[in-house]
Amino acid sequence: MADIHIVRGDLEALSASVSAVRDKVRDLDIAGTAEGVASSMPGAASAGMVKAAAAEADGLRATLGGQYEMVSDGVLDVAAIHRRNDSAVAAGTPALEAGTTGSKSAQRWARAKGLS
């Protein structure tokens, strides 16, 4: 498994980016564009086909927008889970207090490795 390093705010930024894409998809005016095409061909048989294709495309656009919303919401859920897990790990990790035997041992180790 690849190492993953999540920086605070990355998942929220990803969610915001996905939401921005969702908003752009939702703002597409397929029906309005198709209406202009169809009205430029009054009486043509293809005008009805353009309207039908636009209706199909509009349904797909709505579905795609919903998928982007689910991804954005899912990323926020993952961010919340990550924060909870991070807090739980931090709470369960013993801290070395200055002056304790463990602290002195850690300091000796760091000096021996040239880290102190």
PDB file of N, CA and C in Angstrom:
ATOM      1  N   MET A   1       0.844  -1.178   0.000  1.00  0.00           N
ATOM      2  CA  MET A   1       0.000   0.000   0.000  1.00  0.00           C
ATOM      3  C   MET A   1       0.887   1.238   0.000  1.00  0.00           C
ATOM      4  N   ALA A   2       0.533   2.220  -0.778  1.00  0.00           N
ATOM      5  CA  ALA A   2       1.302   3.452  -0.872  1.00  0.00           C
ATOM      6  C   ALA A   2       1.131   4.274   0.404  1.00  0.00           C
ATOM      7  N   ASP A   3       2.192   4.974   0.761  1.00  0.00           N
ATOM      8  CA  ASP A   3       2.093   5.869   1.907  1.00  0.00           C
ATOM      9  C   ASP A   3       1.220   7.060   1.529  1.00  0.00           C
ATOM     10  N   ILE A   4       0.312   7.381   2.395  1.00  0.00           N
ATOM     11  CA  ILE A   4      -0.577   8.521   2.163  1.00  0.00           C
ATOM     12  C   ILE A   4      -0.351   9.510   3.292  1.00  0.00           C
ATOM     13  N   HIS A   5      -0.121  10.744   2.930  1.00  0.00           N
ATOM     14  CA  HIS A   5       0.075  11.803   3.925  1.00  0.00           C
ATOM     15  C   HIS A   5      -1.029  12.826   3.718  1.00  0.00           C
ATOM     16  N   ILE A   6      -1.958  12.869   4.656  1.00  0.00           N
ATOM     17  CA  ILE A   6      -3.080  13.801   4.564  1.00  0.00           C
ATOM     18  C   ILE A   6      -2.765  15.024   5.408  1.00  0.00           C
ATOM     19  N   VAL A   7      -2.723  16.162   4.771  1.00  0.00           N
ATOM     20  CA  VAL A   7      -2.465  17.432   5.456  1.00  0.00           C
ATOM     21  C   VAL A   7      -3.812  18.045   5.820  1.00  0.00           C
ATOM     22  N   ARG A   8      -3.872  18.622   7.008  1.00  0.00           N
ATOM     23  CA  ARG A   8      -5.124  19.235   7.469  1.00  0.00           C
ATOM     24  C   ARG A   8      -5.637  20.214   6.403  1.00  0.00           C
ATOM     25  N   GLY A   9      -6.874  20.026   6.017  1.00  0.00           N
ATOM     26  CA  GLY A   9      -7.512  20.905   5.040  1.00  0.00           C
ATOM     27  C   GLY A   9      -7.515  20.344   3.618  1.00  0.00           C
ATOM     28  N   ASP A  10      -6.681  19.330   3.333  1.00  0.00           N
ATOM     29  CA  ASP A  10      -6.632  18.759   1.982  1.00  0.00           C
ATOM     30  C   ASP A  10      -7.966  18.156   1.562  1.00  0.00           C
ATOM     31  N   LEU A  11      -8.562  17.372   2.432  1.00  0.00           N
ATOM     32  CA  LEU A  11      -9.815  16.710   2.077  1.00  0.00           C
ATOM     33  C   LEU A  11     -10.951  17.728   1.937  1.00  0.00           C
ATOM     34  N   GLU A  12     -10.942  18.737   2.788  1.00  0.00           N
ATOM     35  CA  GLU A  12     -11.957  19.783   2.679  1.00  0.00           C
ATOM     36  C   GLU A  12     -11.789  20.563   1.374  1.00  0.00           C
ATOM     37  N   ALA A  13     -10.528  20.804   0.975  1.00  0.00           N
ATOM     38  CA  ALA A  13     -10.261  21.497  -0.290  1.00  0.00           C
ATOM     39  C   ALA A  13     -10.716  20.636  -1.471  1.00  0.00           C
ATOM     40  N   LEU A  14     -10.479  19.332  -1.389  1.00  0.00           N
ATOM     41  CA  LEU A  14     -10.943  18.432  -2.442  1.00  0.00           C
ATOM     42  C   LEU A  14     -12.460  18.468  -2.547  1.00  0.00           C
ATOM     43  N   SER A  15     -13.132  18.420  -1.421  1.00  0.00           N
ATOM     44  CA  SER A  15     -14.595  18.474  -1.414  1.00  0.00           C
ATOM     45  C   SER A  15     -15.099  19.769  -2.039  1.00  0.00           C
ATOM     46  N   ALA A  16     -14.458  20.883  -1.701  1.00  0.00           N
ATOM     47  CA  ALA A  16     -14.856  22.182  -2.265  1.00  0.00           C
ATOM     48  C   ALA A  16     -14.644  22.208  -3.775  1.00  0.00           C
ATOM     49  N   SER A  17     -13.547  21.615  -4.245  1.00  0.00           N
ATOM     50  CA  SER A  17     -13.283  21.569  -5.690  1.00  0.00           C
ATOM     51  C   SER A  17     -14.329  20.731  -6.417  1.00  0.00           C
ATOM     52  N   VAL A  18     -14.653  19.588  -5.834  1.00  0.00           N
ATOM     53  CA  VAL A  18     -15.670  18.726  -6.444  1.00  0.00           C
ATOM     54  C   VAL A  18     -17.020  19.435  -6.438  1.00  0.00           C
ATOM     55  N   SER A  19     -17.330  20.163  -5.368  1.00  0.00           N
ATOM     56  CA  SER A  19     -18.585  20.922  -5.305  1.00  0.00           C
ATOM     57  C   SER A  19     -18.624  22.014  -6.371  1.00  0.00           C
ATOM     58  N   ALA A  20     -17.482  22.639  -6.632  1.00  0.00           N
ATOM     59  CA  ALA A  20     -17.425  23.674  -7.675  1.00  0.00           C
ATOM     60  C   ALA A  20     -17.707  23.077  -9.047  1.00  0.00           C
ATOM     61  N   VAL A  21     -17.173  21.889  -9.289  1.00  0.00           N
ATOM     62  CA  VAL A  21     -17.454  21.206 -10.561  1.00  0.00           C
ATOM     63  C   VAL A  21     -18.940  20.862 -10.634  1.00  0.00           C
ATOM     64  N   ARG A  22     -19.487  20.353  -9.533  1.00  0.00           N
ATOM     65  CA  ARG A  22     -20.917  20.040  -9.484  1.00  0.00           C
ATOM     66  C   ARG A  22     -21.758  21.264  -9.826  1.00  0.00           C
ATOM     67  N   ASP A  23     -21.399  22.417  -9.267  1.00  0.00           N
ATOM     68  CA  ASP A  23     -22.150  23.641  -9.536  1.00  0.00           C
ATOM     69  C   ASP A  23     -22.083  24.031 -11.009  1.00  0.00           C
ATOM     70  N   LYS A  24     -20.903  23.859 -11.614  1.00  0.00           N
ATOM     71  CA  LYS A  24     -20.755  24.179 -13.045  1.00  0.00           C
ATOM     72  C   LYS A  24     -21.624  23.242 -13.884  1.00  0.00           C
ATOM     73  N   VAL A  25     -21.641  21.967 -13.524  1.00  0.00           N
ATOM     74  CA  VAL A  25     -22.469  20.995 -14.259  1.00  0.00           C
ATOM     75  C   VAL A  25     -23.943  21.354 -14.101  1.00  0.00           C
ATOM     76  N   ARG A  26     -24.341  21.692 -12.901  1.00  0.00           N
ATOM     77  CA  ARG A  26     -25.753  22.044 -12.665  1.00  0.00           C
ATOM     78  C   ARG A  26     -26.156  23.323 -13.385  1.00  0.00           C
ATOM     79  N   ASP A  27     -25.207  24.218 -13.608  1.00  0.00           N
ATOM     80  CA  ASP A  27     -25.509  25.493 -14.269  1.00  0.00           C
ATOM     81  C   ASP A  27     -25.613  25.384 -15.792  1.00  0.00           C
ATOM     82  N   LEU A  28     -25.228  24.248 -16.359  1.00  0.00           N
ATOM     83  CA  LEU A  28     -25.323  24.095 -17.809  1.00  0.00           C
ATOM     84  C   LEU A  28     -26.785  24.209 -18.248  1.00  0.00           C
ATOM     85  N   ASP A  29     -27.032  25.011 -19.273  1.00  0.00           N
ATOM     86  CA  ASP A  29     -28.395  25.214 -19.766  1.00  0.00           C
ATOM     87  C   ASP A  29     -28.573  24.467 -21.084  1.00  0.00           C
ATOM     88  N   ILE A  30     -28.710  23.166 -20.967  1.00  0.00           N
ATOM     89  CA  ILE A  30     -28.845  22.333 -22.159  1.00  0.00           C
ATOM     90  C   ILE A  30     -30.174  22.606 -22.853  1.00  0.00           C
ATOM     91  N   ALA A  31     -31.248  22.681 -22.091  1.00  0.00           N
ATOM     92  CA  ALA A  31     -32.571  22.901 -22.683  1.00  0.00           C
ATOM     93  C   ALA A  31     -32.639  24.250 -23.391  1.00  0.00           C
ATOM     94  N   GLY A  32     -32.070  25.282 -22.779  1.00  0.00           N
ATOM     95  CA  GLY A  32     -32.086  26.614 -23.395  1.00  0.00           C
ATOM     96  C   GLY A  32     -31.303  26.646 -24.698  1.00  0.00           C
ATOM     97  N   THR A  33     -30.168  25.995 -24.712  1.00  0.00           N
ATOM     98  CA  THR A  33     -29.359  25.931 -25.925  1.00  0.00           C
ATOM     99  C   THR A  33     -30.091  25.155 -27.013  1.00  0.00           C
ATOM    100  N   ALA A  34     -30.682  24.039 -26.631  1.00  0.00           N
ATOM    101  CA  ALA A  34     -31.408  23.222 -27.602  1.00  0.00           C
ATOM    102  C   ALA A  34     -32.629  23.948 -28.133  1.00  0.00           C
ATOM    103  N   GLU A  35     -33.279  24.720 -27.292  1.00  0.00           N
ATOM    104  CA  GLU A  35     -34.459  25.477 -27.731  1.00  0.00           C
ATOM    105  C   GLU A  35     -34.070  26.472 -28.819  1.00  0.00           C
ATOM    106  N   GLY A  36     -32.911  27.094 -28.636  1.00  0.00           N
ATOM    107  CA  GLY A  36     -32.428  28.026 -29.666  1.00  0.00           C
ATOM    108  C   GLY A  36     -32.162  27.323 -30.979  1.00  0.00           C
ATOM    109  N   VAL A  37     -31.603  26.131 -30.905  1.00  0.00           N
ATOM    110  CA  VAL A  37     -31.328  25.347 -32.120  1.00  0.00           C
ATOM    111  C   VAL A  37     -32.644  24.943 -32.778  1.00  0.00           C
ATOM    112  N   ALA A  38     -33.559  24.432 -31.977  1.00  0.00           N
ATOM    113  CA  ALA A  38     -34.841  23.969 -32.529  1.00  0.00           C
ATOM    114  C   ALA A  38     -35.639  25.125 -33.123  1.00  0.00           C
ATOM    115  N   SER A  39     -35.618  26.288 -32.491  1.00  0.00           N
ATOM    116  CA  SER A  39     -36.398  27.417 -33.007  1.00  0.00           C
ATOM    117  C   SER A  39     -35.789  27.999 -34.278  1.00  0.00           C
ATOM    118  N   SER A  40     -34.529  27.705 -34.502  1.00  0.00           N
ATOM    119  CA  SER A  40     -33.914  28.201 -35.742  1.00  0.00           C
ATOM    120  C   SER A  40     -34.292  27.333 -36.936  1.00  0.00           C
ATOM    121  N   MET A  41     -34.996  26.217 -36.682  1.00  0.00           N
ATOM    122  CA  MET A  41     -35.415  25.301 -37.756  1.00  0.00           C
ATOM    123  C   MET A  41     -36.915  25.041 -37.652  1.00  0.00           C
ATOM    124  N   PRO A  42     -37.747  26.072 -37.731  1.00  0.00           N
ATOM    125  CA  PRO A  42     -39.184  25.852 -37.549  1.00  0.00           C
ATOM    126  C   PRO A  42     -39.726  24.864 -38.584  1.00  0.00           C
ATOM    127  N   GLY A  43     -40.496  23.917 -38.094  1.00  0.00           N
ATOM    128  CA  GLY A  43     -41.126  22.938 -38.963  1.00  0.00           C
ATOM    129  C   GLY A  43     -40.223  21.788 -39.377  1.00  0.00           C
ATOM    130  N   ALA A  44     -38.956  21.844 -39.072  1.00  0.00           N
ATOM    131  CA  ALA A  44     -38.048  20.776 -39.483  1.00  0.00           C
ATOM    132  C   ALA A  44     -38.247  19.565 -38.577  1.00  0.00           C
ATOM    133  N   ALA A  45     -38.165  18.392 -39.161  1.00  0.00           N
ATOM    134  CA  ALA A  45     -38.315  17.156 -38.386  1.00  0.00           C
ATOM    135  C   ALA A  45     -37.199  17.021 -37.363  1.00  0.00           C
ATOM    136  N   SER A  46     -36.036  17.547 -37.684  1.00  0.00           N
ATOM    137  CA  SER A  46     -34.893  17.416 -36.770  1.00  0.00           C
ATOM    138  C   SER A  46     -35.055  18.274 -35.518  1.00  0.00           C
ATOM    139  N   ALA A  47     -35.950  19.288 -35.548  1.00  0.00           N
ATOM    140  CA  ALA A  47     -36.159  20.127 -34.364  1.00  0.00           C
ATOM    141  C   ALA A  47     -36.656  19.281 -33.194  1.00  0.00           C
ATOM    142  N   GLY A  48     -37.558  18.358 -33.453  1.00  0.00           N
ATOM    143  CA  GLY A  48     -38.063  17.466 -32.404  1.00  0.00           C
ATOM    144  C   GLY A  48     -36.976  16.538 -31.898  1.00  0.00           C
ATOM    145  N   MET A  49     -36.113  16.110 -32.800  1.00  0.00           N
ATOM    146  CA  MET A  49     -35.014  15.235 -32.401  1.00  0.00           C
ATOM    147  C   MET A  49     -34.024  15.994 -31.517  1.00  0.00           C
ATOM    148  N   VAL A  50     -33.808  17.269 -31.822  1.00  0.00           N
ATOM    149  CA  VAL A  50     -32.909  18.090 -31.002  1.00  0.00           C
ATOM    150  C   VAL A  50     -33.482  18.233 -29.594  1.00  0.00           C
ATOM    151  N   LYS A  51     -34.791  18.490 -29.516  1.00  0.00           N
ATOM    152  CA  LYS A  51     -35.436  18.621 -28.205  1.00  0.00           C
ATOM    153  C   LYS A  51     -35.345  17.321 -27.409  1.00  0.00           C
ATOM    154  N   ALA A  52     -35.559  16.189 -28.073  1.00  0.00           N
ATOM    155  CA  ALA A  52     -35.492  14.890 -27.396  1.00  0.00           C
ATOM    156  C   ALA A  52     -34.070  14.612 -26.913  1.00  0.00           C
ATOM    157  N   ALA A  53     -33.094  14.911 -27.755  1.00  0.00           N
ATOM    158  CA  ALA A  53     -31.699  14.701 -27.360  1.00  0.00           C
ATOM    159  C   ALA A  53     -31.335  15.615 -26.191  1.00  0.00           C
ATOM    160  N   ALA A  54     -31.841  16.842 -26.220  1.00  0.00           N
ATOM    161  CA  ALA A  54     -31.564  17.782 -25.136  1.00  0.00           C
ATOM    162  C   ALA A  54     -32.180  17.301 -23.827  1.00  0.00           C
ATOM    163  N   ALA A  55     -33.370  16.747 -23.906  1.00  0.00           N
ATOM    164  CA  ALA A  55     -34.021  16.237 -22.691  1.00  0.00           C
ATOM    165  C   ALA A  55     -33.214  15.081 -22.109  1.00  0.00           C
ATOM    166  N   GLU A  56     -32.723  14.195 -22.981  1.00  0.00           N
ATOM    167  CA  GLU A  56     -31.891  13.077 -22.526  1.00  0.00           C
ATOM    168  C   GLU A  56     -30.595  13.600 -21.906  1.00  0.00           C
ATOM    169  N   ALA A  57     -29.961  14.548 -22.571  1.00  0.00           N
ATOM    170  CA  ALA A  57     -28.708  15.115 -22.060  1.00  0.00           C
ATOM    171  C   ALA A  57     -28.939  15.833 -20.731  1.00  0.00           C
ATOM    172  N   ASP A  58     -30.083  16.488 -20.608  1.00  0.00           N
ATOM    173  CA  ASP A  58     -30.376  17.193 -19.359  1.00  0.00           C
ATOM    174  C   ASP A  58     -30.552  16.204 -18.209  1.00  0.00           C
ATOM    175  N   GLY A  59     -31.167  15.074 -18.483  1.00  0.00           N
ATOM    176  CA  GLY A  59     -31.305  14.045 -17.451  1.00  0.00           C
ATOM    177  C   GLY A  59     -29.946  13.505 -17.022  1.00  0.00           C
ATOM    178  N   LEU A  60     -29.061  13.285 -17.994  1.00  0.00           N
ATOM    179  CA  LEU A  60     -27.710  12.815 -17.681  1.00  0.00           C
ATOM    180  C   LEU A  60     -26.925  13.871 -16.903  1.00  0.00           C
ATOM    181  N   ARG A  61     -27.134  15.144 -17.260  1.00  0.00           N
ATOM    182  CA  ARG A  61     -26.474  16.244 -16.546  1.00  0.00           C
ATOM    183  C   ARG A  61     -26.894  16.266 -15.083  1.00  0.00           C
ATOM    184  N   ALA A  62     -28.179  16.075 -14.844  1.00  0.00           N
ATOM    185  CA  ALA A  62     -28.688  16.056 -13.468  1.00  0.00           C
ATOM    186  C   ALA A  62     -28.106  14.880 -12.689  1.00  0.00           C
ATOM    187  N   THR A  63     -28.030  13.724 -13.335  1.00  0.00           N
ATOM    188  CA  THR A  63     -27.448  12.539 -12.691  1.00  0.00           C
ATOM    189  C   THR A  63     -25.980  12.770 -12.355  1.00  0.00           C
ATOM    190  N   LEU A  64     -25.244  13.340 -13.299  1.00  0.00           N
ATOM    191  CA  LEU A  64     -23.827  13.623 -13.072  1.00  0.00           C
ATOM    192  C   LEU A  64     -23.641  14.609 -11.922  1.00  0.00           C
ATOM    193  N   GLY A  65     -24.472  15.641 -11.874  1.00  0.00           N
ATOM    194  CA  GLY A  65     -24.402  16.594 -10.761  1.00  0.00           C
ATOM    195  C   GLY A  65     -24.632  15.914  -9.430  1.00  0.00           C
ATOM    196  N   GLY A  66     -25.576  14.978  -9.406  1.00  0.00           N
ATOM    197  CA  GLY A  66     -25.845  14.220  -8.177  1.00  0.00           C
ATOM    198  C   GLY A  66     -24.658  13.358  -7.773  1.00  0.00           C
ATOM    199  N   GLN A  67     -23.972  12.781  -8.757  1.00  0.00           N
ATOM    200  CA  GLN A  67     -22.789  11.969  -8.462  1.00  0.00           C
ATOM    201  C   GLN A  67     -21.677  12.833  -7.868  1.00  0.00           C
ATOM    202  N   TYR A  68     -21.470  14.012  -8.438  1.00  0.00           N
ATOM    203  CA  TYR A  68     -20.459  14.917  -7.884  1.00  0.00           C
ATOM    204  C   TYR A  68     -20.808  15.316  -6.451  1.00  0.00           C
ATOM    205  N   GLU A  69     -22.091  15.512  -6.185  1.00  0.00           N
ATOM    206  CA  GLU A  69     -22.511  15.870  -4.828  1.00  0.00           C
ATOM    207  C   GLU A  69     -22.223  14.730  -3.853  1.00  0.00           C
ATOM    208  N   MET A  70     -22.484  13.485  -4.278  1.00  0.00           N
ATOM    209  CA  MET A  70     -22.207  12.344  -3.412  1.00  0.00           C
ATOM    210  C   MET A  70     -20.712  12.221  -3.124  1.00  0.00           C
ATOM    211  N   VAL A  71     -19.878  12.469  -4.136  1.00  0.00           N
ATOM    212  CA  VAL A  71     -18.423  12.406  -3.928  1.00  0.00           C
ATOM    213  C   VAL A  71     -17.994  13.497  -2.953  1.00  0.00           C
ATOM    214  N   SER A  72     -18.478  14.706  -3.149  1.00  0.00           N
ATOM    215  CA  SER A  72     -18.119  15.821  -2.260  1.00  0.00           C
ATOM    216  C   SER A  72     -18.525  15.518  -0.821  1.00  0.00           C
ATOM    217  N   ASP A  73     -19.745  15.047  -0.638  1.00  0.00           N
ATOM    218  CA  ASP A  73     -20.221  14.711   0.708  1.00  0.00           C
ATOM    219  C   ASP A  73     -19.407  13.557   1.299  1.00  0.00           C
ATOM    220  N   GLY A  74     -19.075  12.568   0.467  1.00  0.00           N
ATOM    221  CA  GLY A  74     -18.282  11.433   0.925  1.00  0.00           C
ATOM    222  C   GLY A  74     -16.894  11.853   1.378  1.00  0.00           C
ATOM    223  N   VAL A  75     -16.292  12.783   0.657  1.00  0.00           N
ATOM    224  CA  VAL A  75     -14.960  13.273   1.038  1.00  0.00           C
ATOM    225  C   VAL A  75     -15.033  13.987   2.382  1.00  0.00           C
ATOM    226  N   LEU A  76     -16.093  14.757   2.608  1.00  0.00           N
ATOM    227  CA  LEU A  76     -16.251  15.409   3.918  1.00  0.00           C
ATOM    228  C   LEU A  76     -16.434  14.376   5.026  1.00  0.00           C
ATOM    229  N   ASP A  77     -17.146  13.299   4.724  1.00  0.00           N
ATOM    230  CA  ASP A  77     -17.304  12.220   5.709  1.00  0.00           C
ATOM    231  C   ASP A  77     -15.944  11.586   6.030  1.00  0.00           C
ATOM    232  N   VAL A  78     -15.139  11.349   4.992  1.00  0.00           N
ATOM    233  CA  VAL A  78     -13.802  10.777   5.194  1.00  0.00           C
ATOM    234  C   VAL A  78     -12.947  11.732   6.032  1.00  0.00           C
ATOM    235  N   ALA A  79     -13.047  13.035   5.767  1.00  0.00           N
ATOM    236  CA  ALA A  79     -12.281  14.017   6.547  1.00  0.00           C
ATOM    237  C   ALA A  79     -12.671  13.953   8.021  1.00  0.00           C
ATOM    238  N   ALA A  80     -13.956  13.837   8.292  1.00  0.00           N
ATOM    239  CA  ALA A  80     -14.417  13.758   9.682  1.00  0.00           C
ATOM    240  C   ALA A  80     -13.914  12.476  10.346  1.00  0.00           C
ATOM    241  N   ILE A  81     -13.967  11.368   9.614  1.00  0.00           N
ATOM    242  CA  ILE A  81     -13.464  10.096  10.146  1.00  0.00           C
ATOM    243  C   ILE A  81     -11.969  10.191  10.421  1.00  0.00           C
ATOM    244  N   HIS A  82     -11.243  10.801   9.496  1.00  0.00           N
ATOM    245  CA  HIS A  82      -9.788  10.958   9.664  1.00  0.00           C
ATOM    246  C   HIS A  82      -9.467  11.785  10.915  1.00  0.00           C
ATOM    247  N   ARG A  83     -10.211  12.878  11.114  1.00  0.00           N
ATOM    248  CA  ARG A  83      -9.983  13.710  12.311  1.00  0.00           C
ATOM    249  C   ARG A  83     -10.254  12.919  13.583  1.00  0.00           C
ATOM    250  N   ARG A  84     -11.354  12.144  13.588  1.00  0.00           N
ATOM    251  CA  ARG A  84     -11.676  11.343  14.771  1.00  0.00           C
ATOM    252  C   ARG A  84     -10.599  10.297  15.036  1.00  0.00           C
ATOM    253  N   ASN A  85     -10.141   9.630  13.978  1.00  0.00           N
ATOM    254  CA  ASN A  85      -9.088   8.618  14.142  1.00  0.00           C
ATOM    255  C   ASN A  85      -7.795   9.259  14.626  1.00  0.00           C
ATOM    256  N   ASP A  86      -7.458  10.388  14.052  1.00  0.00           N
ATOM    257  CA  ASP A  86      -6.238  11.092  14.444  1.00  0.00           C
ATOM    258  C   ASP A  86      -6.299  11.486  15.922  1.00  0.00           C
ATOM    259  N   SER A  87      -7.459  11.980  16.350  1.00  0.00           N
ATOM    260  CA  SER A  87      -7.626  12.370  17.755  1.00  0.00           C
ATOM    261  C   SER A  87      -7.536  11.155  18.670  1.00  0.00           C
ATOM    262  N   ALA A  88      -8.130  10.038  18.243  1.00  0.00           N
ATOM    263  CA  ALA A  88      -8.093   8.826  19.062  1.00  0.00           C
ATOM    264  C   ALA A  88      -6.668   8.303  19.206  1.00  0.00           C
ATOM    265  N   VAL A  89      -5.905   8.329  18.118  1.00  0.00           N
ATOM    266  CA  VAL A  89      -4.517   7.872  18.175  1.00  0.00           C
ATOM    267  C   VAL A  89      -3.704   8.801  19.071  1.00  0.00           C
ATOM    268  N   ALA A  90      -3.913  10.113  18.916  1.00  0.00           N
ATOM    269  CA  ALA A  90      -3.182  11.074  19.743  1.00  0.00           C
ATOM    270  C   ALA A  90      -3.523  10.892  21.221  1.00  0.00           C
ATOM    271  N   ALA A  91      -4.771  10.639  21.514  1.00  0.00           N
ATOM    272  CA  ALA A  91      -5.186  10.458  22.904  1.00  0.00           C
ATOM    273  C   ALA A  91      -4.614   9.172  23.501  1.00  0.00           C
ATOM    274  N   GLY A  92      -4.393   8.166  22.660  1.00  0.00           N
ATOM    275  CA  GLY A  92      -3.889   6.895  23.154  1.00  0.00           C
ATOM    276  C   GLY A  92      -2.384   6.763  23.129  1.00  0.00           C
ATOM    277  N   THR A  93      -1.690   7.785  22.647  1.00  0.00           N
ATOM    278  CA  THR A  93      -0.236   7.733  22.575  1.00  0.00           C
ATOM    279  C   THR A  93       0.344   8.318  23.852  1.00  0.00           C
ATOM    280  N   PRO A  94       1.105   7.521  24.587  1.00  0.00           N
ATOM    281  CA  PRO A  94       1.682   8.059  25.824  1.00  0.00           C
ATOM    282  C   PRO A  94       2.740   9.116  25.504  1.00  0.00           C
ATOM    283  N   ALA A  95       2.761  10.125  26.295  1.00  0.00           N
ATOM    284  CA  ALA A  95       3.750  11.197  26.133  1.00  0.00           C
ATOM    285  C   ALA A  95       4.878  10.980  27.131  1.00  0.00           C
ATOM    286  N   LEU A  96       6.080  11.289  26.719  1.00  0.00           N
ATOM    287  CA  LEU A  96       7.231  11.203  27.620  1.00  0.00           C
ATOM    288  C   LEU A  96       7.355  12.523  28.375  1.00  0.00           C
ATOM    289  N   GLU A  97       7.308  12.445  29.654  1.00  0.00           N
ATOM    290  CA  GLU A  97       7.431  13.655  30.457  1.00  0.00           C
ATOM    291  C   GLU A  97       8.895  13.890  30.778  1.00  0.00           C
ATOM    292  N   ALA A  98       9.289  15.142  30.785  1.00  0.00           N
ATOM    293  CA  ALA A  98      10.676  15.498  31.087  1.00  0.00           C
ATOM    294  C   ALA A  98      11.053  14.959  32.461  1.00  0.00           C
ATOM    295  N   GLY A  99      12.245  14.393  32.544  1.00  0.00           N
ATOM    296  CA  GLY A  99      12.753  13.904  33.814  1.00  0.00           C
ATOM    297  C   GLY A  99      12.397  12.465  34.115  1.00  0.00           C
ATOM    298  N   THR A 100      11.583  11.825  33.300  1.00  0.00           N
ATOM    299  CA  THR A 100      11.230  10.425  33.545  1.00  0.00           C
ATOM    300  C   THR A 100      12.288   9.519  32.932  1.00  0.00           C
ATOM    301  N   THR A 101      12.277   8.280  33.362  1.00  0.00           N
ATOM    302  CA  THR A 101      13.245   7.311  32.846  1.00  0.00           C
ATOM    303  C   THR A 101      13.101   7.169  31.336  1.00  0.00           C
ATOM    304  N   GLY A 102      11.859   7.104  30.832  1.00  0.00           N
ATOM    305  CA  GLY A 102      11.623   6.986  29.393  1.00  0.00           C
ATOM    306  C   GLY A 102      12.137   8.196  28.644  1.00  0.00           C
ATOM    307  N   SER A 103      11.950   9.361  29.232  1.00  0.00           N
ATOM    308  CA  SER A 103      12.413  10.598  28.610  1.00  0.00           C
ATOM    309  C   SER A 103      13.926  10.615  28.511  1.00  0.00           C
ATOM    310  N   LYS A 104      14.600  10.194  29.597  1.00  0.00           N
ATOM    311  CA  LYS A 104      16.067  10.175  29.593  1.00  0.00           C
ATOM    312  C   LYS A 104      16.591   9.159  28.588  1.00  0.00           C
ATOM    313  N   SER A 105      15.932   8.024  28.497  1.00  0.00           N
ATOM    314  CA  SER A 105      16.329   7.002  27.542  1.00  0.00           C
ATOM    315  C   SER A 105      16.169   7.516  26.111  1.00  0.00           C
ATOM    316  N   ALA A 106      15.078   8.214  25.848  1.00  0.00           N
ATOM    317  CA  ALA A 106      14.841   8.763  24.508  1.00  0.00           C
ATOM    318  C   ALA A 106      15.879   9.822  24.173  1.00  0.00           C
ATOM    319  N   GLN A 107      16.250  10.620  25.176  1.00  0.00           N
ATOM    320  CA  GLN A 107      17.275  11.656  24.943  1.00  0.00           C
ATOM    321  C   GLN A 107      18.629  11.020  24.647  1.00  0.00           C
ATOM    322  N   ARG A 108      18.988   9.957  25.374  1.00  0.00           N
ATOM    323  CA  ARG A 108      20.255   9.266  25.102  1.00  0.00           C
ATOM    324  C   ARG A 108      20.268   8.673  23.709  1.00  0.00           C
ATOM    325  N   TRP A 109      19.153   8.078  23.316  1.00  0.00           N
ATOM    326  CA  TRP A 109      19.047   7.495  21.986  1.00  0.00           C
ATOM    327  C   TRP A 109      19.217   8.573  20.910  1.00  0.00           C
ATOM    328  N   ALA A 110      18.537   9.709  21.090  1.00  0.00           N
ATOM    329  CA  ALA A 110      18.615  10.805  20.113  1.00  0.00           C
ATOM    330  C   ALA A 110      20.045  11.324  20.008  1.00  0.00           C
ATOM    331  N   ARG A 111      20.731  11.463  21.159  1.00  0.00           N
ATOM    332  CA  ARG A 111      22.138  11.934  21.132  1.00  0.00           C
ATOM    333  C   ARG A 111      23.025  10.945  20.402  1.00  0.00           C
ATOM    334  N   ALA A 112      22.813   9.644  20.665  1.00  0.00           N
ATOM    335  CA  ALA A 112      23.625   8.599  20.028  1.00  0.00           C
ATOM    336  C   ALA A 112      23.429   8.604  18.511  1.00  0.00           C
ATOM    337  N   LYS A 113      22.248   8.988  18.061  1.00  0.00           N
ATOM    338  CA  LYS A 113      21.966   9.027  16.637  1.00  0.00           C
ATOM    339  C   LYS A 113      22.314  10.382  16.018  1.00  0.00           C
ATOM    340  N   GLY A 114      22.790  11.293  16.848  1.00  0.00           N
ATOM    341  CA  GLY A 114      23.120  12.629  16.337  1.00  0.00           C
ATOM    342  C   GLY A 114      21.901  13.493  16.072  1.00  0.00           C
ATOM    343  N   LEU A 115      20.823  13.177  16.733  1.00  0.00           N
ATOM    344  CA  LEU A 115      19.557  13.905  16.499  1.00  0.00           C
ATOM    345  C   LEU A 115      19.294  14.953  17.566  1.00  0.00           C
ATOM    346  N   SER A 116      20.116  14.991  18.562  1.00  0.00           N
ATOM    347  CA  SER A 116      19.849  15.926  19.658  1.00  0.00           C
ATOM    348  C   SER A 116      20.951  16.949  19.754  1.00  0.00           C
TER     349      SER A 116
END
